[in-house]
Amino acid sequence: MAHHHYYVQCLSPQIFLVRERAAGDQAPSPNDRLVKSFDIRHDAYMYAESINEEHKKSPDISTL
């Protein structure tokens, strides 16, 4: 199963963090970079989905 590069972490019913996975093939970790915080769950998931789509479209510089 492919993991999304960006994901939402729920800290509480009112705090949702969008994080960037440190390693794309590993499970989420406390060392993953914080990208943005939200107080509305839907907004956090929409933001993570949009940047995951952008990430898929951009070339991976590590393979160039």
C-alpha atoms as a PDB file:
ATOM      1  CA  MET A   1       0.000   0.000   0.000  1.00  0.00           C
ATOM      2  CA  ALA A   2       1.360   3.412  -0.952  1.00  0.00           C
ATOM      3  CA  HIS A   3       1.585   6.017   1.765  1.00  0.00           C
ATOM      4  CA  HIS A   4       0.755   9.647   1.180  1.00  0.00           C
ATOM      5  CA  HIS A   5       3.699  11.981   1.636  1.00  0.00           C
ATOM      6  CA  TYR A   6       1.541  14.406   3.652  1.00  0.00           C
ATOM      7  CA  TYR A   7      -0.953  13.238   6.251  1.00  0.00           C
ATOM      8  CA  VAL A   8      -3.261  14.598   8.972  1.00  0.00           C
ATOM      9  CA  GLN A   9      -2.554  13.957  12.639  1.00  0.00           C
ATOM     10  CA  CYS A  10      -5.430  14.577  15.044  1.00  0.00           C
ATOM     11  CA  LEU A  11      -4.147  15.980  18.342  1.00  0.00           C
ATOM     12  CA  SER A  12      -7.558  16.732  19.839  1.00  0.00           C
ATOM     13  CA  PRO A  13     -11.130  17.238  18.608  1.00  0.00           C
ATOM     14  CA  GLN A  14     -10.130  20.824  17.697  1.00  0.00           C
ATOM     15  CA  ILE A  15      -6.485  20.495  16.566  1.00  0.00           C
ATOM     16  CA  PHE A  16      -5.422  18.831  13.317  1.00  0.00           C
ATOM     17  CA  LEU A  17      -1.847  18.900  12.041  1.00  0.00           C
ATOM     18  CA  VAL A  18      -0.721  18.330   8.473  1.00  0.00           C
ATOM     19  CA  ARG A  19       2.675  16.637   8.590  1.00  0.00           C
ATOM     20  CA  GLU A  20       5.240  15.644   5.989  1.00  0.00           C
ATOM     21  CA  ARG A  21       6.489  12.073   6.237  1.00  0.00           C
ATOM     22  CA  ALA A  22      10.277  12.012   6.813  1.00  0.00           C
ATOM     23  CA  ALA A  23      10.560   8.813   4.772  1.00  0.00           C
ATOM     24  CA  GLY A  24       7.838   8.019   2.249  1.00  0.00           C
ATOM     25  CA  ASP A  25       7.978   4.283   2.831  1.00  0.00           C
ATOM     26  CA  GLN A  26       7.716   4.401   6.635  1.00  0.00           C
ATOM     27  CA  ALA A  27       4.883   4.864   9.099  1.00  0.00           C
ATOM     28  CA  PRO A  28       4.205   8.322  10.552  1.00  0.00           C
ATOM     29  CA  SER A  29       6.765   9.371  13.140  1.00  0.00           C
ATOM     30  CA  PRO A  30       7.087  12.105  15.792  1.00  0.00           C
ATOM     31  CA  ASN A  31      10.062  13.376  13.756  1.00  0.00           C
ATOM     32  CA  ASP A  32       7.883  14.173  10.728  1.00  0.00           C
ATOM     33  CA  ARG A  33       7.903  17.851   9.808  1.00  0.00           C
ATOM     34  CA  LEU A  34       4.879  19.952  10.805  1.00  0.00           C
ATOM     35  CA  VAL A  35       3.518  21.707   7.725  1.00  0.00           C
ATOM     36  CA  LYS A  36       0.376  23.480   8.951  1.00  0.00           C
ATOM     37  CA  SER A  37      -2.223  23.294  11.724  1.00  0.00           C
ATOM     38  CA  PHE A  38      -6.010  23.535  11.399  1.00  0.00           C
ATOM     39  CA  ASP A  39      -8.947  23.735  13.764  1.00  0.00           C
ATOM     40  CA  ILE A  40     -11.367  22.208  11.236  1.00  0.00           C
ATOM     41  CA  ARG A  41     -10.841  18.543  10.310  1.00  0.00           C
ATOM     42  CA  HIS A  42     -12.227  18.870   6.778  1.00  0.00           C
ATOM     43  CA  ASP A  43      -9.861  21.752   5.989  1.00  0.00           C
ATOM     44  CA  ALA A  44      -6.847  19.757   7.168  1.00  0.00           C
ATOM     45  CA  TYR A  45      -7.757  16.765   5.003  1.00  0.00           C
ATOM     46  CA  MET A  46      -8.477  18.950   1.955  1.00  0.00           C
ATOM     47  CA  TYR A  47      -5.120  20.703   2.361  1.00  0.00           C
ATOM     48  CA  ALA A  48      -3.218  17.421   2.767  1.00  0.00           C
ATOM     49  CA  GLU A  49      -4.970  15.972  -0.292  1.00  0.00           C
ATOM     50  CA  SER A  50      -4.120  19.010  -2.417  1.00  0.00           C
ATOM     51  CA  ILE A  51      -0.421  19.002  -1.519  1.00  0.00           C
ATOM     52  CA  ASN A  52      -0.243  15.224  -2.014  1.00  0.00           C
ATOM     53  CA  GLU A  53      -1.597  15.765  -5.547  1.00  0.00           C
ATOM     54  CA  GLU A  54       1.032  18.469  -6.168  1.00  0.00           C
ATOM     55  CA  HIS A  55       3.727  16.191  -4.776  1.00  0.00           C
ATOM     56  CA  LYS A  56       2.675  13.432  -7.220  1.00  0.00           C
ATOM     57  CA  LYS A  57       2.917  15.844 -10.179  1.00  0.00           C
ATOM     58  CA  SER A  58       6.378  17.223  -9.373  1.00  0.00           C
ATOM     59  CA  PRO A  59       9.448  15.276 -10.428  1.00  0.00           C
ATOM     60  CA  ASP A  60      11.406  13.514  -7.709  1.00  0.00           C
ATOM     61  CA  ILE A  61      14.841  15.164  -7.732  1.00  0.00           C
ATOM     62  CA  SER A  62      16.405  12.165  -6.058  1.00  0.00           C
ATOM     63  CA  THR A  63      15.829  10.146  -9.241  1.00  0.00           C
ATOM     64  CA  LEU A  64      17.302  12.739 -11.628  1.00  0.00           C
END
